[in-house]
Protein backbone atom coordinates (compact mmCIF):
# COMPACT_ATOMS: atom_id res chain seq x y z
CA MET A 1 110.77 108.57 94.41
CA SER A 2 112.43 111.72 95.77
CA THR A 3 110.85 113.69 98.57
CA ASN A 4 110.24 116.74 96.40
CA LYS A 5 108.39 114.77 93.77
CA LEU A 6 106.44 112.98 96.44
CA ILE A 7 104.97 116.02 98.12
CA LEU A 8 104.43 118.55 95.35
CA PRO A 9 100.77 118.96 94.36
CA SER A 10 99.40 120.56 91.24
CA SER A 11 100.48 124.19 90.95
CA ALA A 12 96.89 125.41 91.28
CA LEU A 13 96.36 123.62 94.57
CA LEU A 14 99.70 124.81 95.93
CA MET A 15 98.86 128.41 94.98
CA PHE A 16 95.49 128.18 96.68
CA LEU A 17 96.84 126.74 99.91
CA GLY A 18 99.36 129.56 100.00
CA LEU A 19 96.52 132.08 100.25
CA ALA A 20 95.37 130.85 103.63
CA GLY A 21 96.57 133.35 106.20
CA CYS A 22 93.53 134.29 108.29
CA THR A 23 91.04 132.48 110.48
CA ASP A 24 88.80 131.86 107.48
CA HIS A 25 91.15 129.96 105.18
CA ARG A 26 88.79 129.83 102.22
CA ALA A 27 88.88 131.74 98.96
CA PRO A 28 87.39 135.24 99.43
CA ASP A 29 84.29 134.58 97.30
CA SER A 30 83.37 131.31 99.03
CA PRO A 31 79.72 131.05 100.09
CA ALA A 32 78.91 130.03 103.64
CA ILE A 33 78.75 126.27 104.08
CA VAL A 34 75.43 124.75 105.15
CA ILE A 35 75.65 122.44 108.15
CA GLN A 36 72.80 119.95 108.15
CA ASN A 37 72.23 116.21 108.08
CA ARG A 38 73.55 114.99 104.73
CA SER A 39 73.40 111.23 105.29
CA VAL A 40 70.67 108.59 105.33
CA THR A 41 72.22 107.32 108.57
CA PRO A 42 71.28 108.94 111.89
CA VAL A 43 74.03 110.34 114.08
CA LEU A 44 75.42 107.34 115.97
CA ALA A 45 76.31 109.41 119.04
CA LYS A 46 74.57 111.41 121.71
CA LEU A 47 75.48 114.57 123.55
CA LEU A 48 76.18 114.53 127.27
CA PRO A 49 75.71 117.52 129.58
CA GLY A 50 78.70 119.42 130.81
CA ALA A 51 80.88 120.77 128.00
CA ALA A 52 81.14 124.35 126.76
CA GLY A 53 81.10 125.72 130.30
CA GLY A 54 78.15 123.57 131.35
CA ARG A 55 75.99 124.75 128.46
CA LEU A 56 76.22 121.76 126.14
CA ALA A 57 72.50 121.07 125.92
CA VAL A 58 71.54 124.75 125.90
CA GLY A 59 74.47 126.54 124.38
CA GLY A 60 74.14 125.54 120.76
CA VAL A 61 76.26 122.38 120.50
CA ALA A 62 74.78 120.08 117.86
CA MET A 63 75.78 117.01 115.82
CA TYR A 64 74.99 116.23 112.19
CA SER A 65 75.43 113.13 110.05
CA LEU A 66 77.75 113.99 107.16
CA LEU A 67 78.54 110.67 105.42
CA SER A 68 78.09 106.94 106.00
CA SER A 69 78.59 103.63 104.26
CA ASP A 70 74.91 103.61 103.24
CA ASP A 71 75.07 106.86 101.25
CA GLN A 72 75.09 106.97 97.46
CA LEU A 73 76.92 110.01 96.12
CA ALA A 74 75.67 111.75 92.99
CA GLN A 75 78.93 111.77 91.01
CA SER A 76 80.10 108.29 92.10
CA PRO A 77 77.01 106.09 92.58
CA ASN A 78 79.10 102.90 92.87
CA TYR A 79 81.40 104.21 95.59
CA VAL A 80 80.84 102.80 99.10
CA PHE A 81 82.49 104.52 102.06
CA GLY A 82 84.50 101.90 103.92
CA GLY A 83 84.44 100.87 107.55
CA SER A 84 86.49 102.12 110.50
CA ALA A 85 86.69 105.79 109.52
CA ASP A 86 89.82 107.17 111.15
CA GLY A 87 92.50 109.79 110.50
CA ALA A 88 91.45 112.63 108.22
CA GLY A 89 92.41 115.95 106.69
CA ILE A 90 90.47 118.53 104.71
CA PHE A 91 91.21 121.44 102.36
CA GLN A 92 89.45 123.63 99.84
CA ASN A 93 90.12 123.13 96.14
CA PRO A 94 90.75 125.96 93.68
CA ASP A 95 87.22 125.46 92.27
CA GLY A 96 85.71 126.22 95.69
CA ASN A 97 84.71 122.64 96.48
CA TYR A 98 86.31 120.76 99.37
CA SER A 99 88.39 117.57 99.47
CA LEU A 100 88.28 115.32 102.51
CA ILE A 101 90.98 112.66 102.83
CA VAL A 102 90.11 109.95 105.35
CA ASN A 103 91.47 106.54 106.36
CA ASN A 104 89.26 103.48 106.29
CA GLU A 105 91.40 101.67 108.83
CA ASP A 106 90.39 98.05 108.47
CA ASN A 107 90.06 98.31 104.70
CA PHE A 108 93.77 99.28 104.58
CA ALA A 109 92.59 102.12 102.36
CA VAL A 110 92.26 105.89 101.99
CA SER A 111 89.16 107.63 100.64
CA ARG A 112 88.95 111.03 99.00
CA ILE A 113 85.52 112.64 99.34
CA THR A 114 84.57 115.72 97.34
CA LEU A 115 82.12 118.08 99.02
CA ASP A 116 80.48 120.92 97.14
CA LYS A 117 80.64 124.59 98.15
CA ALA A 118 77.76 124.08 100.57
CA PHE A 119 79.60 121.10 102.16
CA LYS A 120 77.47 118.33 100.69
CA PRO A 121 79.36 115.11 99.79
CA ILE A 122 79.03 114.59 96.03
CA LYS A 123 81.82 112.18 95.07
CA GLY A 124 83.92 109.45 96.63
CA GLU A 125 86.96 107.50 95.42
CA TYR A 126 89.79 105.41 96.84
CA ILE A 127 93.22 106.96 96.27
CA LEU A 128 94.93 104.13 98.19
CA ASN A 129 93.43 100.66 98.34
CA SER A 130 94.40 97.59 100.33
CA ASP A 131 97.04 96.52 97.81
CA GLY A 132 98.83 99.84 98.22
CA GLY A 133 97.84 100.50 101.81
CA THR A 134 99.44 97.23 102.93
CA TRP A 135 98.63 97.70 106.63
CA ARG A 136 95.81 98.90 108.90
CA LEU A 137 95.76 102.66 108.49
CA CYS A 138 94.84 104.43 111.70
CA SER A 139 95.20 108.10 112.44
CA ALA A 140 96.79 110.51 109.98
CA THR A 141 97.92 114.10 109.52
CA LEU A 142 97.52 116.36 106.50
CA ALA A 143 100.68 118.46 106.23
CA THR A 144 100.20 121.77 104.39
CA PRO A 145 102.48 124.69 103.45
CA VAL A 146 100.32 127.03 105.52
CA GLU A 147 100.60 125.05 108.76
CA HIS A 148 103.76 122.98 108.40
CA GLY A 149 105.80 124.66 105.69
CA PHE A 150 105.60 121.75 103.24
CA GLY A 151 103.10 119.58 101.44
CA PRO A 152 100.24 119.12 101.00
CA VAL A 153 100.85 115.48 101.80
CA PHE A 154 98.74 113.04 103.82
CA LEU A 155 100.88 111.14 106.32
CA THR A 156 99.03 107.93 107.17
CA CYS A 157 100.54 105.25 109.38
CA GLY A 158 100.60 101.49 109.10
CA GLU A 159 99.62 99.72 112.33
CA SER A 160 99.87 96.03 111.51
CA GLY A 161 102.93 95.12 113.55
CA VAL A 162 106.51 96.29 113.93
CA GLU A 163 107.37 96.06 110.22
CA SER A 164 104.68 98.57 109.19
CA ARG A 165 105.59 101.87 107.57
CA THR A 166 104.10 105.31 107.08
CA HIS A 167 102.71 106.43 103.72
CA ALA A 168 103.18 109.94 102.37
CA LEU A 169 100.22 110.26 100.03
CA ARG A 170 99.71 113.15 97.62
CA VAL A 171 96.32 114.71 98.11
CA ASP A 172 95.86 114.94 94.33
CA ALA A 173 96.66 111.24 93.87
CA ASP A 174 95.31 109.52 90.78
CA PRO A 175 92.71 106.88 91.76
CA GLN A 176 94.00 104.73 88.90
CA GLN A 177 97.20 104.29 90.93
CA ALA A 178 95.47 103.43 94.19
CA ALA A 179 97.28 100.09 94.42
CA ILE A 180 100.73 101.73 94.59
CA SER A 181 102.29 101.92 98.04
CA ARG A 182 103.50 105.38 99.09
CA GLU A 183 105.61 104.26 102.04
CA VAL A 184 108.59 106.36 103.12
CA ALA A 185 111.66 104.67 104.56
CA GLY A 186 112.84 107.79 106.35
CA LEU A 187 110.22 107.52 109.09
CA GLY A 188 111.28 103.99 109.97
CA ARG A 189 109.21 100.94 110.82
CA TRP A 190 106.72 101.04 113.68
CA SER A 191 103.23 99.80 114.46
CA ALA A 192 102.33 103.46 114.28
CA GLU A 193 99.08 105.26 115.03
CA ASN A 194 100.11 108.68 113.75
CA ALA A 195 103.11 110.63 112.42
CA VAL A 196 102.59 114.30 113.23
CA PRO A 197 104.77 117.06 111.77
CA LEU A 198 105.04 120.01 114.12
CA PRO A 199 103.97 123.41 112.79
CA LYS A 200 106.49 125.59 110.98
CA THR A 201 106.38 128.08 113.87
CA ALA A 202 107.81 125.48 116.27
CA TYR A 203 111.16 125.00 114.50
CA PRO A 204 111.12 127.17 111.37
CA ASP A 205 114.16 125.65 109.65
CA LYS A 206 113.48 121.98 110.42
CA THR A 207 111.10 119.10 109.81
CA VAL A 208 110.12 117.58 113.15
CA ILE A 209 107.70 114.64 113.10
CA VAL A 210 106.54 112.89 116.29
CA ILE A 211 105.39 109.27 115.90
CA GLY A 212 103.27 107.17 118.27
CA ASP A 213 104.16 103.46 118.34
CA ASP A 214 101.18 101.27 119.26
CA ASP A 215 103.16 98.27 120.47
CA SER A 216 102.16 96.08 123.40
CA GLY A 217 104.93 93.50 123.11
CA THR A 218 108.09 92.91 125.10
CA ASP A 219 109.67 96.20 124.04
CA GLY A 220 106.57 98.30 124.65
CA GLY A 221 105.35 101.25 122.62
CA GLN A 222 107.69 104.11 121.85
CA VAL A 223 107.45 107.82 121.24
CA ALA A 224 109.65 108.37 118.20
CA MET A 225 110.88 111.49 116.44
CA TYR A 226 112.03 112.07 112.87
CA LEU A 227 114.23 115.16 112.53
CA SER A 228 115.62 116.79 109.40
CA ASN A 229 117.34 120.16 109.05
CA THR A 230 115.57 120.65 105.72
CA VAL A 231 111.91 121.70 105.63
CA GLY A 232 109.79 119.06 103.91
CA ASP A 233 112.53 116.41 103.75
CA LEU A 234 111.05 113.00 104.61
CA ASP A 235 114.00 110.90 103.47
CA ASN A 236 117.33 112.14 104.80
CA GLY A 237 116.74 112.96 108.47
CA SER A 238 117.51 111.04 111.63
CA LEU A 239 115.22 108.87 113.77
CA TYR A 240 115.08 108.88 117.58
CA MET A 241 113.19 107.32 120.49
CA LEU A 242 112.17 109.01 123.74
CA ARG A 243 113.96 108.22 126.99
CA ARG A 244 114.23 109.68 130.46
CA THR A 245 117.64 111.18 131.19
CA ASP A 246 117.90 108.99 134.30
CA GLY A 247 117.41 105.84 132.22
CA ASN A 248 114.22 104.64 133.95
CA GLN A 249 112.16 102.77 131.35
CA ARG A 250 109.05 102.00 133.43
CA GLU A 251 106.00 104.01 132.45
CA MET A 252 104.22 103.50 135.79
CA ASP A 253 107.13 105.09 137.64
CA MET A 254 105.93 108.45 136.27
CA ASN A 255 103.11 110.20 138.10
CA PRO A 256 101.03 113.36 137.67
CA GLY A 257 102.46 116.48 139.29
CA THR A 258 106.10 115.82 138.36
CA LEU A 259 108.08 117.01 135.35
CA TYR A 260 110.53 114.42 134.03
CA ASP A 261 113.65 115.36 132.05
CA VAL A 262 113.62 113.52 128.74
CA GLU A 263 115.59 113.40 125.53
CA PHE A 264 115.40 111.66 122.18
CA ALA A 265 118.14 109.08 121.60
CA LYS A 266 119.30 108.58 118.03
CA ILE A 267 118.70 105.24 116.28
CA ASP A 268 121.76 104.87 114.06
CA ASN A 269 121.36 103.70 110.45
CA HIS A 270 117.60 103.39 110.94
CA LYS A 271 116.76 103.07 107.23
CA THR A 272 118.70 99.80 107.06
CA LEU A 273 116.94 98.30 110.10
CA THR A 274 113.89 96.09 110.27
CA GLY A 275 111.12 97.01 112.67
CA ALA A 276 112.23 94.23 114.97
CA GLN A 277 115.75 95.66 115.00
CA ILE A 278 114.44 99.17 115.74
CA ASN A 279 112.37 97.73 118.58
CA GLY A 280 115.44 95.91 119.80
CA ARG A 281 117.22 99.22 120.38
CA VAL A 282 114.84 100.09 123.23
CA ASN A 283 117.00 98.56 125.96
CA THR A 284 120.30 99.74 124.49
CA LEU A 285 118.99 103.30 124.20
CA LYS A 286 116.89 103.07 127.40
CA GLY A 287 113.68 104.12 125.66
CA ILE A 288 110.55 104.47 127.79
CA LYS A 289 108.33 101.39 127.41
CA PHE A 290 104.80 102.74 127.20
CA GLY A 291 101.64 100.63 127.10
CA ARG A 292 100.72 101.33 123.45
CA VAL A 293 101.42 104.89 122.37
CA GLU A 294 98.54 105.98 120.16
CA ASP A 295 97.61 109.36 118.76
CA VAL A 296 99.77 112.49 118.86
CA ASP A 297 98.87 116.17 118.41
CA TYR A 298 100.29 119.59 119.28
CA ARG A 299 98.80 122.71 120.82
CA LYS A 300 97.45 125.20 118.29
CA GLY A 301 97.72 128.98 118.42
CA GLY A 302 101.13 129.49 116.85
CA GLY A 303 104.49 130.39 118.31
CA ALA A 304 105.74 128.31 121.22
CA ASN A 305 102.42 126.45 121.46
CA GLY A 306 103.54 124.15 118.66
CA ARG A 307 106.31 122.79 120.86
CA ASP A 308 103.75 121.45 123.37
CA VAL A 309 103.06 117.91 122.17
CA PHE A 310 100.32 115.69 123.62
CA PHE A 311 99.96 111.95 123.17
CA ALA A 312 97.64 109.19 124.31
CA VAL A 313 98.80 105.91 125.79
CA THR A 314 95.81 103.63 125.34
CA GLY A 315 96.95 101.03 127.86
CA GLN A 316 97.17 97.23 127.89
CA ASP A 317 95.99 94.54 130.25
CA ASN A 318 98.33 93.75 133.15
CA SER A 319 99.14 90.27 131.88
CA GLY A 320 101.68 88.88 129.41
CA ALA A 321 104.28 91.53 128.59
CA ASN A 322 102.64 93.78 131.20
CA ALA A 323 102.28 91.18 133.94
CA ASP A 324 104.42 93.37 136.18
CA TYR A 325 102.03 96.31 135.61
CA SER A 326 104.96 98.49 134.55
CA ARG A 327 102.78 100.08 131.85
CA SER A 328 99.40 101.76 131.94
CA LYS A 329 96.31 99.55 131.88
CA TYR A 330 93.46 102.04 131.50
CA GLY A 331 95.34 104.70 129.60
CA ARG A 332 97.02 108.05 130.05
CA ILE A 333 97.43 111.44 128.39
CA TYR A 334 100.91 112.96 128.39
CA LYS A 335 102.27 116.43 127.70
CA LEU A 336 105.74 116.66 126.15
CA MET A 337 107.30 120.14 126.32
CA LEU A 338 110.11 120.41 123.79
CA ASP A 339 113.10 122.70 124.22
CA ALA A 340 112.89 125.94 122.23
CA SER A 341 116.26 125.47 120.53
CA ASP A 342 116.68 121.68 120.49
CA PRO A 343 113.67 119.43 119.72
CA THR A 344 115.52 116.36 121.01
CA LYS A 345 115.32 117.65 124.59
CA GLY A 346 112.35 118.43 126.80
CA LYS A 347 110.23 117.65 129.80
CA LEU A 348 107.44 115.07 130.12
CA GLU A 349 104.35 115.30 132.30
CA VAL A 350 101.51 112.87 133.02
CA LEU A 351 98.37 115.00 132.53
CA LEU A 352 95.69 112.36 133.01
CA ASN A 353 96.10 108.95 134.64
CA GLY A 354 93.37 106.40 134.00
CA ASP A 355 94.99 103.92 136.37
CA ASP A 356 94.07 106.12 139.31
CA ARG A 357 90.49 104.82 139.61
CA SER A 358 89.58 107.51 142.12
CA GLY A 359 91.19 110.40 140.24
CA ILE A 360 90.04 112.85 137.58
CA ALA A 361 90.42 110.26 134.79
CA LYS A 362 88.82 107.39 136.73
CA THR A 363 86.33 106.63 133.91
CA PHE A 364 89.02 106.13 131.24
CA GLN A 365 88.64 102.84 129.38
CA ASP A 366 91.61 103.20 127.04
CA PRO A 367 91.93 106.67 125.45
CA ASP A 368 93.08 106.23 121.87
CA ASN A 369 92.91 109.47 119.90
CA VAL A 370 93.42 113.14 120.66
CA CYS A 371 92.52 116.41 118.95
CA VAL A 372 94.29 119.42 120.46
CA THR A 373 93.19 123.02 119.96
CA THR A 374 94.48 126.20 121.61
CA ASN A 375 92.70 125.64 124.91
CA TYR A 376 91.37 122.07 124.88
CA ILE A 377 92.19 118.44 124.27
CA TYR A 378 89.41 116.27 122.88
CA ILE A 379 90.02 112.61 123.78
CA MET A 380 88.41 109.59 122.11
CA GLU A 381 88.13 106.12 123.69
CA ASP A 382 88.75 102.60 122.44
CA PRO A 383 87.04 99.46 123.72
CA ASN A 384 89.47 98.05 126.28
CA GLY A 385 88.42 94.42 125.89
CA TYR A 386 88.82 93.71 129.60
CA GLY A 387 85.10 93.19 130.13
CA ASP A 388 84.83 95.89 132.78
CA GLU A 389 83.58 98.77 130.62
CA LYS A 390 81.08 100.98 132.41
CA HIS A 391 79.90 103.05 129.45
CA ASP A 392 79.96 103.20 125.68
CA GLY A 393 82.88 105.04 124.13
CA TYR A 394 83.21 108.63 125.33
CA VAL A 395 84.66 111.73 123.77
CA TYR A 396 86.15 113.79 126.60
CA GLN A 397 86.91 117.49 126.73
CA TYR A 398 89.97 118.50 128.80
CA ASN A 399 90.43 122.20 129.50
CA LEU A 400 94.15 122.99 129.39
CA ASN A 401 93.64 126.08 131.51
CA THR A 402 91.26 124.92 134.25
CA LYS A 403 92.40 121.25 134.19
CA GLN A 404 88.76 120.08 134.06
CA LEU A 405 87.95 116.77 132.34
CA THR A 406 84.40 116.29 131.08
CA PRO A 407 82.79 113.50 129.01
CA ILE A 408 80.80 115.34 126.33
CA ILE A 409 79.75 112.67 123.79
CA GLU A 410 78.85 108.99 124.12
CA LEU A 411 78.52 106.66 121.17
CA ASP A 412 74.97 105.47 120.48
CA HIS A 413 74.71 101.80 119.52
CA ARG A 414 70.95 102.14 118.97
CA ARG A 415 70.36 98.93 120.92
CA THR A 416 66.73 99.74 121.63
CA ALA A 417 65.90 101.63 118.41
CA VAL A 418 63.61 100.23 115.73
CA ASP A 419 66.70 99.69 113.55
CA ALA A 420 68.73 98.02 116.34
CA ALA A 421 69.41 94.87 114.30
CA LYS A 422 71.12 96.88 111.57
CA TYR A 423 73.76 98.27 113.92
CA ASN A 424 74.07 95.24 116.22
CA VAL A 425 74.71 92.39 113.80
CA GLY A 426 75.19 89.10 115.60
CA GLY A 427 73.27 90.19 118.68
CA THR A 428 73.25 93.16 120.99
CA SER A 429 76.66 94.81 121.05
CA ALA A 430 78.59 94.77 124.31
CA LEU A 431 79.09 97.91 126.34
CA GLY A 432 81.94 99.92 124.84
CA ASP A 433 82.26 97.87 121.62
CA TRP A 434 82.42 100.89 119.34
CA GLU A 435 85.02 103.62 119.13
CA SER A 436 85.38 107.10 117.70
CA SER A 437 88.48 108.41 116.02
CA GLY A 438 90.06 110.91 113.68
CA MET A 439 88.54 114.05 115.20
CA ILE A 440 89.73 117.20 113.40
CA ASP A 441 88.97 120.89 113.78
CA VAL A 442 87.50 122.05 110.45
CA SER A 443 86.72 125.61 111.54
CA ASP A 444 89.42 127.46 109.58
CA VAL A 445 88.97 125.37 106.43
CA THR A 446 85.21 125.88 106.34
CA GLY A 447 84.96 129.37 107.80
CA ARG A 448 82.56 127.98 110.39
CA PRO A 449 83.82 128.61 113.95
CA ASN A 450 83.92 125.83 116.56
CA THR A 451 83.15 123.07 114.06
CA PHE A 452 84.73 119.60 114.22
CA MET A 453 84.49 116.35 112.28
CA LEU A 454 84.53 112.93 113.98
CA GLY A 455 84.70 109.37 112.65
CA ILE A 456 82.56 106.65 114.24
CA GLN A 457 83.75 103.06 114.02
CA ALA A 458 80.54 101.12 114.60
CA HIS A 459 82.19 97.71 114.73
CA THR A 460 78.95 95.69 114.92
CA TRP A 461 77.46 97.45 111.88
CA ARG A 462 78.32 94.86 109.25
CA GLY A 463 77.02 93.38 106.03
CA ASP A 464 77.94 91.86 102.68
CA LYS A 465 77.30 95.16 100.89
CA TYR A 466 80.36 96.60 102.64
CA LYS A 467 82.74 93.79 101.63
CA GLY A 468 85.85 94.62 99.61
CA VAL A 469 84.66 98.11 98.71
CA ASP A 470 88.15 99.65 98.45
CA GLY A 471 88.91 97.87 95.15
CA GLY A 472 92.02 96.08 96.39
CA SER A 473 92.55 92.36 96.83
CA LYS A 474 93.79 92.13 100.43
CA ARG A 475 90.59 92.94 102.32
CA LEU A 476 87.88 91.26 100.28
CA ASN A 477 86.05 90.00 103.37
CA GLU A 478 86.26 93.21 105.40
CA ASN A 479 82.58 94.02 105.95
CA GLN A 480 82.36 96.89 108.46
CA ALA A 481 80.55 100.16 107.89
CA SER A 482 81.26 103.54 109.47
CA GLN A 483 80.20 107.18 109.65
CA LEU A 484 81.49 110.75 109.70
CA ILE A 485 79.66 113.37 111.74
CA LEU A 486 80.02 117.13 112.21
CA ILE A 487 79.92 118.70 115.68
CA GLU A 488 79.15 122.39 115.88
CA GLY A 489 79.58 124.61 118.92
CA LEU A 490 82.55 123.04 120.76
CA PRO A 491 85.05 125.59 122.04
CA ARG A 492 88.55 125.68 120.67
C-alpha cells in the first residue's frame, strides 16, 4: 500500500482537522466537556503533595476515572476494554464527538473509543486485533496535519523483539479489517517503544521521526531516526542510529552537566535488512548502546522547541549483557538538541540520572514513558524487577525551567481496600508491580486547559472475563484489565 493511501482519512475528518489553529482546537459550536467520574472503577492512583508550585492538594489538581475494563458502553455492550492501556491519541470528529485511539499493549491490539460531546465514553471497538497487531504495542503517536503536516495516522510500535515493526494505522480504520497488519517497512525493525514524528515547525519540508529501541541485549537499545525530504512519506526515507562523534558507545560514560556532540549514522539499505542485521550495525556505525531506550517526545510551544527531543532510558540490571555496568540500571532522561538546519546532527545531555542514588533522581526505579509540554516533562515509571523498589509506580513532574523534579502521583494498588482481592489476584501485589503509561495532554483537543489522560496498567487485576477480548487469535489467554484516568489542573 502506498504512503498516500495509507495516511489519508475521510475528507470530512481531514477538513475538520485542518480547522484547528488556536488553543481550543474544537469546532466553534462545541459545548464544554464535563469532567467527572465516568467509570465503575475507582481511580487507581493517588495524588502526592508538591506539584503545581507546591499547591497540588490545594490548587485544584484532581483525578477522574474515565474508562476501565469493567465498563459496559451504551453503543457497544459486548466490547471489553483490554489490559495494559498504553500509547494514545485523541481528536474531535466532524459530528462533535471525540475519538480516542489507545493501545492495549499485551493484547497486541488497538482500541477506538467514541466519547460524546460531553466526553462520556459511549462506544468501543478494536481497529487492530492481535492477528494484525502481531507484537506487543507500547507507546504511540497520533500524527495530524495540524501538528505534523501529515496524517491523521496512528504510529504504534511493535516491542516483541528485534524483528518487530511499526504500524501506521488510519484513525478511521474499519473494525471489520482489524486483523490486517498495517506495518511500514520504511521505519525498519526494532523492539520499539515509540516512533515520534517531529512537529512541522521543526523541519517544515521534511518528515523526521525519532524511534526508541527497547533492547537490552548485546547490542543495547538505540535511538533511531527516519528521515525523508517529503512531508508525510513513510516509505522512501533513510534510517539512522545515534552515535557520539568521538565513537564512544558506553552510555555510562555520559554524565549530567556535559553536552556531547552526536550525529545520526545512516543504515544503508535498511528496508532489506532483518532486525538482527540492523542491530548488528551498532558496532560498525559506533551507535550508543543504551540500556533500553523507551519513550520519546518533543518540547511543545512551536518553533525551535520542536527540535528539543527528550527520551527515557528505562535501565537494565547490571548482569548479563550489562554485567560491566556500561548502561543505566535505574534509568535516565536525556535531552537531544537537534541542529536547526540538519536533523542528523546535534548535542546530547543527561538531564536526570537514576544511577546517582544521592542525586535529584535518586528515587527512579526505571522511568519508562514521558509526556513533554512547553515547560514540563511528566515521567512514568515501570516496575524494575530488581526487588529493591521503595514505592509504587510514580508519575514525576520535571520543570524544564527550574530543574526541579517532583513525584506527583503514585499508583494505588488498593491493597487494604474492601475490594483488595479484585485488584491483587494471586495475593497482595508487590511494591511497584503496576505501571502507568501513555500520558497525553488533551487540553487543546477538549478545550479544557491543563487536562491530561493517563493509562494505568494494573498488572495484578486479572480475570477470565478479560481473556481474548480483542477478537484476534494470538492472545486468547491474555487476561489483564486496565484503566484510563483524566488529570485536571497540571501545568503545561
